Structure formats: structure tokens, C-alpha cells
Amino acid sequence: MTDRRGTASARGSPTDNVVCFEAADVTGTHRVSVDDVQRSLPAGAVAKALASRMSLPENVPWILRDNASSAYLDEEKPIGEQIGTGPDVKLTVTPKTHLG
């Protein structure tokens, strides 16, 4: 993942295979803009990579939450099937809690 560079994608270009979004940790202390996450990557792998990039503890399981819907992404499904793309898409990296 790299920081967003403001590139626009043309239909049929390689960037059609990636999603762009902004992400923050649950405290809002760390924020990143990304533009190169492969649509086919499982959301759980993306959460782990984002947590690492934000220097969050590695011994904590992380999950992604869509800020617009407040829904947690299914960590096994491709991220591209669960979110839109662009600067309006905002995700939160949050610790995965095990209740019950």
C-alpha cells in the first residue's frame, strides 16, 4: 500500500483492480490514504497490513469497519466486494472483539 497520489483511473487501466480509501485507527491518532489495495485481497489481510503500517500492536487481531454504514467487513471476503472506492470511503481499523 502506498499513499494516494491523486491519480485518476481510466476504464480498463490496471487501477480498476484496486480500491482507494482513507483509514484511521479507532482513536483517530493514525490516518492513512491508500490507493493500491487489490480488490481481491481479503479484508482481514488488509486490516493486518494497515495496522502494521500504523505501528499498532501486532499481537492484537484487527478488523475493518466501514464508517458510512458502521458495518464490520467480513475478514474472509475480498475488500473490493465490500466497499466502494475513492476519497469518500473511510474505514476504521479496530481491535476485533470476541463476545459471547
PDB file of N, CA and C in Angstrom:
ATOM      1  N   MET A   1       0.840  -1.172   0.000  1.00  0.00           N
ATOM      2  CA  MET A   1       0.000   0.000   0.000  1.00  0.00           C
ATOM      3  C   MET A   1       0.884   1.234   0.000  1.00  0.00           C
ATOM      4  N   THR A   2       0.491   2.214  -0.765  1.00  0.00           N
ATOM      5  CA  THR A   2       1.229   3.468  -0.793  1.00  0.00           C
ATOM      6  C   THR A   2       0.263   4.611  -0.571  1.00  0.00           C
ATOM      7  N   ASP A   3       0.794   5.772  -0.252  1.00  0.00           N
ATOM      8  CA  ASP A   3      -0.054   6.940  -0.075  1.00  0.00           C
ATOM      9  C   ASP A   3      -0.669   7.338  -1.401  1.00  0.00           C
ATOM     10  N   ARG A   4      -1.877   7.892  -1.337  1.00  0.00           N
ATOM     11  CA  ARG A   4      -2.587   8.336  -2.529  1.00  0.00           C
ATOM     12  C   ARG A   4      -1.810   9.441  -3.218  1.00  0.00           C
ATOM     13  N   ARG A   5      -1.746   9.395  -4.503  1.00  0.00           N
ATOM     14  CA  ARG A   5      -1.033  10.405  -5.262  1.00  0.00           C
ATOM     15  C   ARG A   5      -1.978  11.163  -6.184  1.00  0.00           C
ATOM     16  N   GLY A   6      -3.271  11.023  -5.980  1.00  0.00           N
ATOM     17  CA  GLY A   6      -4.228  11.776  -6.766  1.00  0.00           C
ATOM     18  C   GLY A   6      -4.379  11.291  -8.187  1.00  0.00           C
ATOM     19  N   THR A   7      -4.116  10.025  -8.449  1.00  0.00           N
ATOM     20  CA  THR A   7      -4.221   9.523  -9.812  1.00  0.00           C
ATOM     21  C   THR A   7      -5.657   9.152 -10.130  1.00  0.00           C
ATOM     22  N   ALA A   8      -6.051   9.405 -11.340  1.00  0.00           N
ATOM     23  CA  ALA A   8      -7.376   9.014 -11.802  1.00  0.00           C
ATOM     24  C   ALA A   8      -7.238   7.755 -12.627  1.00  0.00           C
ATOM     25  N   SER A   9      -8.241   6.902 -12.564  1.00  0.00           N
ATOM     26  CA  SER A   9      -8.139   5.680 -13.349  1.00  0.00           C
ATOM     27  C   SER A   9      -9.051   5.768 -14.563  1.00  0.00           C
ATOM     28  N   ALA A  10      -8.551   5.299 -15.665  1.00  0.00           N
ATOM     29  CA  ALA A  10      -9.347   5.207 -16.881  1.00  0.00           C
ATOM     30  C   ALA A  10      -9.901   3.798 -16.961  1.00  0.00           C
ATOM     31  N   ARG A  11     -11.059   3.650 -17.543  1.00  0.00           N
ATOM     32  CA  ARG A  11     -11.665   2.328 -17.658  1.00  0.00           C
ATOM     33  C   ARG A  11     -10.703   1.393 -18.376  1.00  0.00           C
ATOM     34  N   GLY A  12     -10.501   0.218 -17.781  1.00  0.00           N
ATOM     35  CA  GLY A  12      -9.617  -0.750 -18.396  1.00  0.00           C
ATOM     36  C   GLY A  12      -8.173  -0.633 -17.946  1.00  0.00           C
ATOM     37  N   SER A  13      -7.866   0.362 -17.131  1.00  0.00           N
ATOM     38  CA  SER A  13      -6.489   0.516 -16.662  1.00  0.00           C
ATOM     39  C   SER A  13      -6.234  -0.418 -15.495  1.00  0.00           C
ATOM     40  N   PRO A  14      -4.974  -0.647 -15.143  1.00  0.00           N
ATOM     41  CA  PRO A  14      -4.652  -1.535 -14.030  1.00  0.00           C
ATOM     42  C   PRO A  14      -5.258  -1.092 -12.710  1.00  0.00           C
ATOM     43  N   THR A  15      -5.549   0.214 -12.555  1.00  0.00           N
ATOM     44  CA  THR A  15      -6.100   0.689 -11.294  1.00  0.00           C
ATOM     45  C   THR A  15      -7.545   0.255 -11.098  1.00  0.00           C
ATOM     46  N   ASP A  16      -8.188  -0.323 -12.117  1.00  0.00           N
ATOM     47  CA  ASP A  16      -9.528  -0.870 -11.944  1.00  0.00           C
ATOM     48  C   ASP A  16      -9.508  -2.047 -10.977  1.00  0.00           C
ATOM     49  N   ASN A  17      -8.353  -2.623 -10.749  1.00  0.00           N
ATOM     50  CA  ASN A  17      -8.223  -3.778  -9.868  1.00  0.00           C
ATOM     51  C   ASN A  17      -7.887  -3.395  -8.438  1.00  0.00           C
ATOM     52  N   VAL A  18      -7.881  -2.099  -8.151  1.00  0.00           N
ATOM     53  CA  VAL A  18      -7.555  -1.645  -6.799  1.00  0.00           C
ATOM     54  C   VAL A  18      -8.685  -0.799  -6.235  1.00  0.00           C
ATOM     55  N   VAL A  19      -8.711  -0.709  -4.904  1.00  0.00           N
ATOM     56  CA  VAL A  19      -9.642   0.180  -4.224  1.00  0.00           C
ATOM     57  C   VAL A  19      -8.846   1.280  -3.547  1.00  0.00           C
ATOM     58  N   CYS A  20      -9.458   2.439  -3.437  1.00  0.00           N
ATOM     59  CA  CYS A  20      -8.858   3.588  -2.778  1.00  0.00           C
ATOM     60  C   CYS A  20      -9.747   3.982  -1.613  1.00  0.00           C
ATOM     61  N   PHE A  21      -9.141   4.326  -0.499  1.00  0.00           N
ATOM     62  CA  PHE A  21      -9.908   4.725   0.679  1.00  0.00           C
ATOM     63  C   PHE A  21      -9.002   5.396   1.679  1.00  0.00           C
ATOM     64  N   GLU A  22      -9.608   5.977   2.692  1.00  0.00           N
ATOM     65  CA  GLU A  22      -8.872   6.518   3.822  1.00  0.00           C
ATOM     66  C   GLU A  22      -9.144   5.625   5.010  1.00  0.00           C
ATOM     67  N   ALA A  23      -8.138   5.450   5.853  1.00  0.00           N
ATOM     68  CA  ALA A  23      -8.296   4.610   7.032  1.00  0.00           C
ATOM     69  C   ALA A  23      -7.683   5.313   8.236  1.00  0.00           C
ATOM     70  N   ALA A  24      -8.265   5.050   9.394  1.00  0.00           N
ATOM     71  CA  ALA A  24      -7.747   5.579  10.654  1.00  0.00           C
ATOM     72  C   ALA A  24      -7.857   4.492  11.701  1.00  0.00           C
ATOM     73  N   ASP A  25      -7.021   4.610  12.736  1.00  0.00           N
ATOM     74  CA  ASP A  25      -7.191   3.681  13.851  1.00  0.00           C
ATOM     75  C   ASP A  25      -8.386   4.149  14.671  1.00  0.00           C
ATOM     76  N   VAL A  26      -8.815   3.339  15.605  1.00  0.00           N
ATOM     77  CA  VAL A  26     -10.033   3.613  16.358  1.00  0.00           C
ATOM     78  C   VAL A  26      -9.936   4.901  17.189  1.00  0.00           C
ATOM     79  N   THR A  27      -8.734   5.321  17.533  1.00  0.00           N
ATOM     80  CA  THR A  27      -8.567   6.558  18.301  1.00  0.00           C
ATOM     81  C   THR A  27      -8.482   7.789  17.415  1.00  0.00           C
ATOM     82  N   GLY A  28      -8.266   7.596  16.120  1.00  0.00           N
ATOM     83  CA  GLY A  28      -8.107   8.709  15.196  1.00  0.00           C
ATOM     84  C   GLY A  28      -6.697   9.285  15.204  1.00  0.00           C
ATOM     85  N   THR A  29      -5.793   8.654  15.933  1.00  0.00           N
ATOM     86  CA  THR A  29      -4.414   9.126  16.042  1.00  0.00           C
ATOM     87  C   THR A  29      -3.629   8.907  14.758  1.00  0.00           C
ATOM     88  N   HIS A  30      -3.833   7.769  14.126  1.00  0.00           N
ATOM     89  CA  HIS A  30      -3.119   7.423  12.897  1.00  0.00           C
ATOM     90  C   HIS A  30      -4.104   7.433  11.732  1.00  0.00           C
ATOM     91  N   ARG A  31      -3.724   8.108  10.647  1.00  0.00           N
ATOM     92  CA  ARG A  31      -4.559   8.163   9.445  1.00  0.00           C
ATOM     93  C   ARG A  31      -3.684   7.920   8.224  1.00  0.00           C
ATOM     94  N   VAL A  32      -4.230   7.157   7.276  1.00  0.00           N
ATOM     95  CA  VAL A  32      -3.525   6.919   6.019  1.00  0.00           C
ATOM     96  C   VAL A  32      -4.514   6.966   4.865  1.00  0.00           C
ATOM     97  N   SER A  33      -4.021   7.407   3.722  1.00  0.00           N
ATOM     98  CA  SER A  33      -4.778   7.335   2.475  1.00  0.00           C
ATOM     99  C   SER A  33      -4.072   6.315   1.606  1.00  0.00           C
ATOM    100  N   VAL A  34      -4.834   5.391   1.077  1.00  0.00           N
ATOM    101  CA  VAL A  34      -4.239   4.353   0.235  1.00  0.00           C
ATOM    102  C   VAL A  34      -4.930   4.306  -1.116  1.00  0.00           C
ATOM    103  N   ASP A  35      -4.163   3.892  -2.117  1.00  0.00           N
ATOM    104  CA  ASP A  35      -4.728   3.818  -3.460  1.00  0.00           C
ATOM    105  C   ASP A  35      -4.290   2.578  -4.216  1.00  0.00           C
ATOM    106  N   ASP A  36      -3.724   1.601  -3.506  1.00  0.00           N
ATOM    107  CA  ASP A  36      -3.211   0.445  -4.220  1.00  0.00           C
ATOM    108  C   ASP A  36      -3.559  -0.888  -3.568  1.00  0.00           C
ATOM    109  N   VAL A  37      -4.701  -0.950  -2.916  1.00  0.00           N
ATOM    110  CA  VAL A  37      -5.126  -2.217  -2.314  1.00  0.00           C
ATOM    111  C   VAL A  37      -5.865  -3.029  -3.373  1.00  0.00           C
ATOM    112  N   GLN A  38      -5.369  -4.202  -3.646  1.00  0.00           N
ATOM    113  CA  GLN A  38      -6.002  -5.075  -4.633  1.00  0.00           C
ATOM    114  C   GLN A  38      -7.415  -5.431  -4.188  1.00  0.00           C
ATOM    115  N   ARG A  39      -8.365  -5.291  -5.090  1.00  0.00           N
ATOM    116  CA  ARG A  39      -9.777  -5.569  -4.790  1.00  0.00           C
ATOM    117  C   ARG A  39      -9.985  -6.997  -4.284  1.00  0.00           C
ATOM    118  N   SER A  40      -9.123  -7.918  -4.702  1.00  0.00           N
ATOM    119  CA  SER A  40      -9.302  -9.331  -4.372  1.00  0.00           C
ATOM    120  C   SER A  40      -8.713  -9.727  -3.016  1.00  0.00           C
ATOM    121  N   LEU A  41      -8.007  -8.827  -2.360  1.00  0.00           N
ATOM    122  CA  LEU A  41      -7.423  -9.172  -1.057  1.00  0.00           C
ATOM    123  C   LEU A  41      -8.499  -9.319   0.005  1.00  0.00           C
ATOM    124  N   PRO A  42      -8.380 -10.333   0.863  1.00  0.00           N
ATOM    125  CA  PRO A  42      -9.339 -10.465   1.965  1.00  0.00           C
ATOM    126  C   PRO A  42      -9.233  -9.259   2.899  1.00  0.00           C
ATOM    127  N   ALA A  43     -10.365  -8.789   3.388  1.00  0.00           N
ATOM    128  CA  ALA A  43     -10.390  -7.619   4.265  1.00  0.00           C
ATOM    129  C   ALA A  43      -9.529  -7.832   5.506  1.00  0.00           C
ATOM    130  N   GLY A  44      -9.440  -9.063   6.011  1.00  0.00           N
ATOM    131  CA  GLY A  44      -8.618  -9.340   7.181  1.00  0.00           C
ATOM    132  C   GLY A  44      -7.143  -9.095   6.916  1.00  0.00           C
ATOM    133  N   ALA A  45      -6.672  -9.447   5.730  1.00  0.00           N
ATOM    134  CA  ALA A  45      -5.276  -9.208   5.365  1.00  0.00           C
ATOM    135  C   ALA A  45      -5.013  -7.712   5.238  1.00  0.00           C
ATOM    136  N   VAL A  46      -5.976  -6.976   4.706  1.00  0.00           N
ATOM    137  CA  VAL A  46      -5.837  -5.529   4.581  1.00  0.00           C
ATOM    138  C   VAL A  46      -5.797  -4.892   5.964  1.00  0.00           C
ATOM    139  N   ALA A  47      -6.656  -5.349   6.877  1.00  0.00           N
ATOM    140  CA  ALA A  47      -6.669  -4.820   8.240  1.00  0.00           C
ATOM    141  C   ALA A  47      -5.319  -5.031   8.917  1.00  0.00           C
ATOM    142  N   LYS A  48      -4.767  -6.202   8.760  1.00  0.00           N
ATOM    143  CA  LYS A  48      -3.465  -6.518   9.357  1.00  0.00           C
ATOM    144  C   LYS A  48      -2.368  -5.627   8.772  1.00  0.00           C
ATOM    145  N   ALA A  49      -2.375  -5.442   7.461  1.00  0.00           N
ATOM    146  CA  ALA A  49      -1.372  -4.600   6.816  1.00  0.00           C
ATOM    147  C   ALA A  49      -1.501  -3.141   7.245  1.00  0.00           C
ATOM    148  N   LEU A  50      -2.731  -2.661   7.348  1.00  0.00           N
ATOM    149  CA  LEU A  50      -2.942  -1.286   7.796  1.00  0.00           C
ATOM    150  C   LEU A  50      -2.486  -1.101   9.232  1.00  0.00           C
ATOM    151  N   ALA A  51      -2.799  -2.071  10.098  1.00  0.00           N
ATOM    152  CA  ALA A  51      -2.377  -1.992  11.497  1.00  0.00           C
ATOM    153  C   ALA A  51      -0.858  -1.930  11.583  1.00  0.00           C
ATOM    154  N   SER A  52      -0.180  -2.731  10.786  1.00  0.00           N
ATOM    155  CA  SER A  52       1.278  -2.720  10.769  1.00  0.00           C
ATOM    156  C   SER A  52       1.798  -1.371  10.302  1.00  0.00           C
ATOM    157  N   ARG A  53       1.203  -0.844   9.256  1.00  0.00           N
ATOM    158  CA  ARG A  53       1.619   0.452   8.721  1.00  0.00           C
ATOM    159  C   ARG A  53       1.414   1.578   9.729  1.00  0.00           C
ATOM    160  N   MET A  54       0.386   1.436  10.569  1.00  0.00           N
ATOM    161  CA  MET A  54       0.098   2.446  11.591  1.00  0.00           C
ATOM    162  C   MET A  54       0.872   2.192  12.886  1.00  0.00           C
ATOM    163  N   SER A  55       1.721   1.174  12.867  1.00  0.00           N
ATOM    164  CA  SER A  55       2.510   0.779  14.053  1.00  0.00           C
ATOM    165  C   SER A  55       1.621   0.420  15.241  1.00  0.00           C
ATOM    166  N   LEU A  56       0.506  -0.241  14.952  1.00  0.00           N
ATOM    167  CA  LEU A  56      -0.375  -0.722  16.012  1.00  0.00           C
ATOM    168  C   LEU A  56       0.155  -2.069  16.494  1.00  0.00           C
ATOM    169  N   PRO A  57      -0.194  -2.478  17.707  1.00  0.00           N
ATOM    170  CA  PRO A  57       0.329  -3.745  18.242  1.00  0.00           C
ATOM    171  C   PRO A  57       0.045  -4.927  17.322  1.00  0.00           C
ATOM    172  N   GLU A  58       1.052  -5.756  17.122  1.00  0.00           N
ATOM    173  CA  GLU A  58       0.912  -6.902  16.232  1.00  0.00           C
ATOM    174  C   GLU A  58       0.251  -8.100  16.894  1.00  0.00           C
ATOM    175  N   ASN A  59       0.169  -8.102  18.227  1.00  0.00           N
ATOM    176  CA  ASN A  59      -0.427  -9.229  18.935  1.00  0.00           C
ATOM    177  C   ASN A  59      -1.937  -9.066  19.139  1.00  0.00           C
ATOM    178  N   VAL A  60      -2.532  -8.124  18.439  1.00  0.00           N
ATOM    179  CA  VAL A  60      -3.966  -7.862  18.524  1.00  0.00           C
ATOM    180  C   VAL A  60      -4.596  -8.207  17.180  1.00  0.00           C
ATOM    181  N   PRO A  61      -5.707  -8.943  17.171  1.00  0.00           N
ATOM    182  CA  PRO A  61      -6.401  -9.166  15.898  1.00  0.00           C
ATOM    183  C   PRO A  61      -7.164  -7.894  15.498  1.00  0.00           C
ATOM    184  N   TRP A  62      -7.013  -7.478  14.254  1.00  0.00           N
ATOM    185  CA  TRP A  62      -7.627  -6.245  13.769  1.00  0.00           C
ATOM    186  C   TRP A  62      -8.699  -6.543  12.736  1.00  0.00           C
ATOM    187  N   ILE A  63      -9.688  -5.662  12.670  1.00  0.00           N
ATOM    188  CA  ILE A  63     -10.787  -5.789  11.716  1.00  0.00           C
ATOM    189  C   ILE A  63     -11.097  -4.397  11.177  1.00  0.00           C
ATOM    190  N   LEU A  64     -11.732  -4.327  10.017  1.00  0.00           N
ATOM    191  CA  LEU A  64     -12.087  -3.048   9.415  1.00  0.00           C
ATOM    192  C   LEU A  64     -13.576  -2.775   9.565  1.00  0.00           C
ATOM    193  N   ARG A  65     -13.893  -1.508   9.859  1.00  0.00           N
ATOM    194  CA  ARG A  65     -15.287  -1.059   9.946  1.00  0.00           C
ATOM    195  C   ARG A  65     -15.488   0.049   8.934  1.00  0.00           C
ATOM    196  N   ASP A  66     -16.568  -0.047   8.165  1.00  0.00           N
ATOM    197  CA  ASP A  66     -16.934   0.979   7.195  1.00  0.00           C
ATOM    198  C   ASP A  66     -17.608   2.116   7.965  1.00  0.00           C
ATOM    199  N   ASN A  67     -17.045   3.315   7.908  1.00  0.00           N
ATOM    200  CA  ASN A  67     -17.591   4.429   8.680  1.00  0.00           C
ATOM    201  C   ASN A  67     -18.979   4.847   8.224  1.00  0.00           C
ATOM    202  N   ALA A  68     -19.279   4.710   6.938  1.00  0.00           N
ATOM    203  CA  ALA A  68     -20.576   5.144   6.419  1.00  0.00           C
ATOM    204  C   ALA A  68     -21.717   4.269   6.933  1.00  0.00           C
ATOM    205  N   SER A  69     -21.500   2.965   6.985  1.00  0.00           N
ATOM    206  CA  SER A  69     -22.571   2.050   7.392  1.00  0.00           C
ATOM    207  C   SER A  69     -22.386   1.522   8.811  1.00  0.00           C
ATOM    208  N   SER A  70     -21.225   1.739   9.386  1.00  0.00           N
ATOM    209  CA  SER A  70     -20.845   1.199  10.707  1.00  0.00           C
ATOM    210  C   SER A  70     -20.761  -0.323  10.706  1.00  0.00           C
ATOM    211  N   ALA A  71     -20.769  -0.935   9.536  1.00  0.00           N
ATOM    212  CA  ALA A  71     -20.683  -2.388   9.431  1.00  0.00           C
ATOM    213  C   ALA A  71     -19.233  -2.836   9.456  1.00  0.00           C
ATOM    214  N   TYR A  72     -18.993  -3.951  10.121  1.00  0.00           N
ATOM    215  CA  TYR A  72     -17.671  -4.559  10.098  1.00  0.00           C
ATOM    216  C   TYR A  72     -17.544  -5.371   8.825  1.00  0.00           C
ATOM    217  N   LEU A  73     -16.392  -5.270   8.173  1.00  0.00           N
ATOM    218  CA  LEU A  73     -16.174  -6.028   6.947  1.00  0.00           C
ATOM    219  C   LEU A  73     -15.900  -7.482   7.302  1.00  0.00           C
ATOM    220  N   ASP A  74     -16.380  -8.368   6.465  1.00  0.00           N
ATOM    221  CA  ASP A  74     -16.109  -9.797   6.617  1.00  0.00           C
ATOM    222  C   ASP A  74     -14.650 -10.013   6.264  1.00  0.00           C
ATOM    223  N   GLU A  75     -13.869 -10.471   7.229  1.00  0.00           N
ATOM    224  CA  GLU A  75     -12.426 -10.559   7.022  1.00  0.00           C
ATOM    225  C   GLU A  75     -12.006 -11.574   5.971  1.00  0.00           C
ATOM    226  N   GLU A  76     -12.879 -12.495   5.622  1.00  0.00           N
ATOM    227  CA  GLU A  76     -12.529 -13.514   4.636  1.00  0.00           C
ATOM    228  C   GLU A  76     -12.932 -13.133   3.212  1.00  0.00           C
ATOM    229  N   LYS A  77     -13.837 -12.180   3.062  1.00  0.00           N
ATOM    230  CA  LYS A  77     -14.294 -11.762   1.735  1.00  0.00           C
ATOM    231  C   LYS A  77     -13.380 -10.694   1.163  1.00  0.00           C
ATOM    232  N   PRO A  78     -13.273 -10.647  -0.165  1.00  0.00           N
ATOM    233  CA  PRO A  78     -12.450  -9.610  -0.798  1.00  0.00           C
ATOM    234  C   PRO A  78     -12.944  -8.214  -0.422  1.00  0.00           C
ATOM    235  N   ILE A  79     -11.998  -7.344  -0.134  1.00  0.00           N
ATOM    236  CA  ILE A  79     -12.358  -5.986   0.272  1.00  0.00           C
ATOM    237  C   ILE A  79     -13.122  -5.264  -0.839  1.00  0.00           C
ATOM    238  N   GLY A  80     -12.771  -5.536  -2.092  1.00  0.00           N
ATOM    239  CA  GLY A  80     -13.431  -4.877  -3.223  1.00  0.00           C
ATOM    240  C   GLY A  80     -14.902  -5.204  -3.361  1.00  0.00           C
ATOM    241  N   GLU A  81     -15.345  -6.299  -2.769  1.00  0.00           N
ATOM    242  CA  GLU A  81     -16.766  -6.660  -2.789  1.00  0.00           C
ATOM    243  C   GLU A  81     -17.541  -5.988  -1.660  1.00  0.00           C
ATOM    244  N   GLN A  82     -16.829  -5.348  -0.731  1.00  0.00           N
ATOM    245  CA  GLN A  82     -17.474  -4.837   0.467  1.00  0.00           C
ATOM    246  C   GLN A  82     -17.479  -3.321   0.598  1.00  0.00           C
ATOM    247  N   ILE A  83     -16.620  -2.649  -0.179  1.00  0.00           N
ATOM    248  CA  ILE A  83     -16.576  -1.194  -0.092  1.00  0.00           C
ATOM    249  C   ILE A  83     -16.568  -0.599  -1.482  1.00  0.00           C
ATOM    250  N   GLY A  84     -16.890   0.692  -1.549  1.00  0.00           N
ATOM    251  CA  GLY A  84     -16.751   1.436  -2.789  1.00  0.00           C
ATOM    252  C   GLY A  84     -15.285   1.830  -2.926  1.00  0.00           C
ATOM    253  N   THR A  85     -15.038   2.896  -3.640  1.00  0.00           N
ATOM    254  CA  THR A  85     -13.665   3.376  -3.771  1.00  0.00           C
ATOM    255  C   THR A  85     -13.672   4.896  -3.857  1.00  0.00           C
ATOM    256  N   GLY A  86     -12.617   5.503  -3.419  1.00  0.00           N
ATOM    257  CA  GLY A  86     -12.489   6.951  -3.526  1.00  0.00           C
ATOM    258  C   GLY A  86     -12.301   7.631  -2.193  1.00  0.00           C
ATOM    259  N   PRO A  87     -12.108   8.942  -2.245  1.00  0.00           N
ATOM    260  CA  PRO A  87     -11.795   9.694  -1.032  1.00  0.00           C
ATOM    261  C   PRO A  87     -12.940   9.736  -0.021  1.00  0.00           C
ATOM    262  N   ASP A  88     -14.161   9.459  -0.457  1.00  0.00           N
ATOM    263  CA  ASP A  88     -15.282   9.467   0.471  1.00  0.00           C
ATOM    264  C   ASP A  88     -15.396   8.177   1.274  1.00  0.00           C
ATOM    265  N   VAL A  89     -14.684   7.121   0.866  1.00  0.00           N
ATOM    266  CA  VAL A  89     -14.722   5.855   1.589  1.00  0.00           C
ATOM    267  C   VAL A  89     -13.730   5.946   2.739  1.00  0.00           C
ATOM    268  N   LYS A  90     -14.268   5.777   3.945  1.00  0.00           N
ATOM    269  CA  LYS A  90     -13.436   5.850   5.143  1.00  0.00           C
ATOM    270  C   LYS A  90     -13.649   4.593   5.975  1.00  0.00           C
ATOM    271  N   LEU A  91     -12.536   3.994   6.369  1.00  0.00           N
ATOM    272  CA  LEU A  91     -12.570   2.779   7.172  1.00  0.00           C
ATOM    273  C   LEU A  91     -11.849   3.024   8.492  1.00  0.00           C
ATOM    274  N   THR A  92     -12.256   2.269   9.510  1.00  0.00           N
ATOM    275  CA  THR A  92     -11.583   2.327  10.799  1.00  0.00           C
ATOM    276  C   THR A  92     -10.976   0.972  11.094  1.00  0.00           C
ATOM    277  N   VAL A  93      -9.712   0.984  11.489  1.00  0.00           N
ATOM    278  CA  VAL A  93      -9.021  -0.229  11.919  1.00  0.00           C
ATOM    279  C   VAL A  93      -9.292  -0.345  13.424  1.00  0.00           C
ATOM    280  N   THR A  94      -9.981  -1.395  13.806  1.00  0.00           N
ATOM    281  CA  THR A  94     -10.380  -1.543  15.197  1.00  0.00           C
ATOM    282  C   THR A  94     -10.014  -2.930  15.720  1.00  0.00           C
ATOM    283  N   PRO A  95      -9.750  -3.058  17.019  1.00  0.00           N
ATOM    284  CA  PRO A  95      -9.464  -4.386  17.545  1.00  0.00           C
ATOM    285  C   PRO A  95     -10.675  -5.291  17.375  1.00  0.00           C
ATOM    286  N   LYS A  96     -10.429  -6.526  17.027  1.00  0.00           N
ATOM    287  CA  LYS A  96     -11.502  -7.496  16.869  1.00  0.00           C
ATOM    288  C   LYS A  96     -11.838  -8.029  18.270  1.00  0.00           C
ATOM    289  N   THR A  97     -13.093  -7.849  18.663  1.00  0.00           N
ATOM    290  CA  THR A  97     -13.506  -8.317  19.980  1.00  0.00           C
ATOM    291  C   THR A  97     -14.240  -9.641  19.847  1.00  0.00           C
ATOM    292  N   HIS A  98     -14.071 -10.457  20.817  1.00  0.00           N
ATOM    293  CA  HIS A  98     -14.725 -11.762  20.836  1.00  0.00           C
ATOM    294  C   HIS A  98     -15.728 -11.755  21.981  1.00  0.00           C
ATOM    295  N   LEU A  99     -16.963 -11.562  21.638  1.00  0.00           N
ATOM    296  CA  LEU A  99     -18.012 -11.519  22.658  1.00  0.00           C
ATOM    297  C   LEU A  99     -18.797 -12.828  22.634  1.00  0.00           C
ATOM    298  N   GLY A 100     -19.153 -13.272  23.801  1.00  0.00           N
ATOM    299  CA  GLY A 100     -20.025 -14.439  23.919  1.00  0.00           C
ATOM    300  C   GLY A 100     -19.393 -15.733  23.805  1.00  0.00           C
TER     301      GLY A 100
END
